Amino acid sequence: MKKIILSSLVVLGLSGAAFAQAATDFATVDADASGGVSLTEAQAVWPDLTEDAFNAADADASGELSADEFATISAAATPAP
């Protein structure tokens, strides 16, 4: 299932270059310290992140990325050459 989600993220426009801009951790991205990363917070790090890609990464459909969901999306990062 994770492979499908990660593949969807790439297809939906979250490129490796966008990930390369985000060399940061969950606590830093969770700017309001709510315990979850909102779409707005995620887009501050990954400007190319679409709402569809965010929703695909939000496996529990909570409206925020948990630390585990954030780790999954971050692990898909491929540094730009």
C-alpha atoms as a PDB file:
ATOM      1  CA  MET A   1       0.000   0.000   0.000  1.00  0.00           C
ATOM      2  CA  LYS A   2       2.842   2.414   0.826  1.00  0.00           C
ATOM      3  CA  LYS A   3       4.313   1.848  -2.629  1.00  0.00           C
ATOM      4  CA  ILE A   4       0.997   2.897  -4.164  1.00  0.00           C
ATOM      5  CA  ILE A   5       0.859   6.038  -2.029  1.00  0.00           C
ATOM      6  CA  LEU A   6       4.440   6.997  -2.799  1.00  0.00           C
ATOM      7  CA  SER A   7       3.914   6.331  -6.496  1.00  0.00           C
ATOM      8  CA  SER A   8       0.817   8.504  -6.376  1.00  0.00           C
ATOM      9  CA  LEU A   9       2.809  11.325  -4.823  1.00  0.00           C
ATOM     10  CA  VAL A  10       5.240  11.308  -7.706  1.00  0.00           C
ATOM     11  CA  VAL A  11       2.462  11.110 -10.282  1.00  0.00           C
ATOM     12  CA  LEU A  12       0.570  13.930  -8.589  1.00  0.00           C
ATOM     13  CA  GLY A  13       3.463  16.313  -8.959  1.00  0.00           C
ATOM     14  CA  LEU A  14       5.658  15.996  -5.890  1.00  0.00           C
ATOM     15  CA  SER A  15       9.000  15.869  -7.620  1.00  0.00           C
ATOM     16  CA  GLY A  16      12.384  14.922  -6.243  1.00  0.00           C
ATOM     17  CA  ALA A  17      13.430  18.531  -6.603  1.00  0.00           C
ATOM     18  CA  ALA A  18      10.622  19.587  -4.291  1.00  0.00           C
ATOM     19  CA  PHE A  19      11.731  17.022  -1.734  1.00  0.00           C
ATOM     20  CA  ALA A  20      15.342  18.123  -2.040  1.00  0.00           C
ATOM     21  CA  GLN A  21      14.310  21.546  -0.749  1.00  0.00           C
ATOM     22  CA  ALA A  22      13.162  19.934   2.496  1.00  0.00           C
ATOM     23  CA  ALA A  23      16.095  18.820   4.554  1.00  0.00           C
ATOM     24  CA  THR A  24      14.230  19.236   7.821  1.00  0.00           C
ATOM     25  CA  ASP A  25      12.493  17.262  10.522  1.00  0.00           C
ATOM     26  CA  PHE A  26       8.900  16.769  11.637  1.00  0.00           C
ATOM     27  CA  ALA A  27       9.116  19.099  14.651  1.00  0.00           C
ATOM     28  CA  THR A  28      10.454  21.920  12.506  1.00  0.00           C
ATOM     29  CA  VAL A  29       7.761  21.540   9.843  1.00  0.00           C
ATOM     30  CA  ASP A  30       5.047  21.310  12.543  1.00  0.00           C
ATOM     31  CA  ALA A  31       5.373  25.067  13.075  1.00  0.00           C
ATOM     32  CA  ASP A  32       2.394  25.348  15.430  1.00  0.00           C
ATOM     33  CA  ALA A  33       3.496  22.313  17.489  1.00  0.00           C
ATOM     34  CA  SER A  34       0.058  20.714  17.056  1.00  0.00           C
ATOM     35  CA  GLY A  35       1.496  17.230  16.675  1.00  0.00           C
ATOM     36  CA  GLY A  36       0.570  17.086  12.979  1.00  0.00           C
ATOM     37  CA  VAL A  37       1.722  18.729   9.766  1.00  0.00           C
ATOM     38  CA  SER A  38      -1.019  20.583   7.905  1.00  0.00           C
ATOM     39  CA  LEU A  39      -1.114  21.092   4.159  1.00  0.00           C
ATOM     40  CA  THR A  40      -0.024  24.709   4.660  1.00  0.00           C
ATOM     41  CA  GLU A  41       2.927  23.675   6.824  1.00  0.00           C
ATOM     42  CA  ALA A  42       3.929  20.976   4.338  1.00  0.00           C
ATOM     43  CA  GLN A  43       3.709  23.410   1.423  1.00  0.00           C
ATOM     44  CA  ALA A  44       6.039  25.795   3.247  1.00  0.00           C
ATOM     45  CA  VAL A  45       8.672  23.074   2.892  1.00  0.00           C
ATOM     46  CA  TRP A  46       7.489  21.483  -0.365  1.00  0.00           C
ATOM     47  CA  PRO A  47       5.943  24.292  -2.456  1.00  0.00           C
ATOM     48  CA  ASP A  48       5.064  21.874  -5.269  1.00  0.00           C
ATOM     49  CA  LEU A  49       3.009  19.632  -2.956  1.00  0.00           C
ATOM     50  CA  THR A  50      -0.530  19.393  -4.265  1.00  0.00           C
ATOM     51  CA  GLU A  51      -3.588  18.860  -2.107  1.00  0.00           C
ATOM     52  CA  ASP A  52      -4.142  15.505  -3.831  1.00  0.00           C
ATOM     53  CA  ALA A  53      -0.595  14.368  -3.022  1.00  0.00           C
ATOM     54  CA  PHE A  54      -0.973  15.545   0.582  1.00  0.00           C
ATOM     55  CA  ASN A  55      -4.245  13.637   0.905  1.00  0.00           C
ATOM     56  CA  ALA A  56      -2.592  10.522  -0.525  1.00  0.00           C
ATOM     57  CA  ALA A  57       0.137  10.765   2.125  1.00  0.00           C
ATOM     58  CA  ASP A  58      -2.446  11.351   4.872  1.00  0.00           C
ATOM     59  CA  ALA A  59      -3.213   7.637   5.232  1.00  0.00           C
ATOM     60  CA  ASP A  60      -5.641   8.049   8.127  1.00  0.00           C
ATOM     61  CA  ALA A  61      -7.447  10.999   6.463  1.00  0.00           C
ATOM     62  CA  SER A  62      -7.025  13.138   9.591  1.00  0.00           C
ATOM     63  CA  GLY A  63      -6.243  16.296   7.630  1.00  0.00           C
ATOM     64  CA  GLU A  64      -2.697  16.348   8.993  1.00  0.00           C
ATOM     65  CA  LEU A  65       0.394  14.241   8.509  1.00  0.00           C
ATOM     66  CA  SER A  66       1.382  12.299  11.604  1.00  0.00           C
ATOM     67  CA  ALA A  67       5.058  11.772  12.383  1.00  0.00           C
ATOM     68  CA  ASP A  68       4.866   8.349  10.680  1.00  0.00           C
ATOM     69  CA  GLU A  69       3.117   9.748   7.587  1.00  0.00           C
ATOM     70  CA  PHE A  70       5.653  12.575   7.441  1.00  0.00           C
ATOM     71  CA  ALA A  71       8.499  10.052   7.695  1.00  0.00           C
ATOM     72  CA  THR A  72       6.990   8.049   4.839  1.00  0.00           C
ATOM     73  CA  ILE A  73       6.674  11.063   2.551  1.00  0.00           C
ATOM     74  CA  SER A  74      10.161  12.286   3.529  1.00  0.00           C
ATOM     75  CA  ALA A  75      11.677   8.869   2.828  1.00  0.00           C
ATOM     76  CA  ALA A  76      10.463   9.146  -0.753  1.00  0.00           C
ATOM     77  CA  ALA A  77      12.793  12.084  -1.216  1.00  0.00           C
ATOM     78  CA  THR A  78      15.299  11.700  -3.995  1.00  0.00           C
ATOM     79  CA  PRO A  79      18.008  14.341  -3.938  1.00  0.00           C
ATOM     80  CA  ALA A  80      18.262  16.318  -7.140  1.00  0.00           C
ATOM     81  CA  PRO A  81      21.390  15.529  -9.177  1.00  0.00           C
END
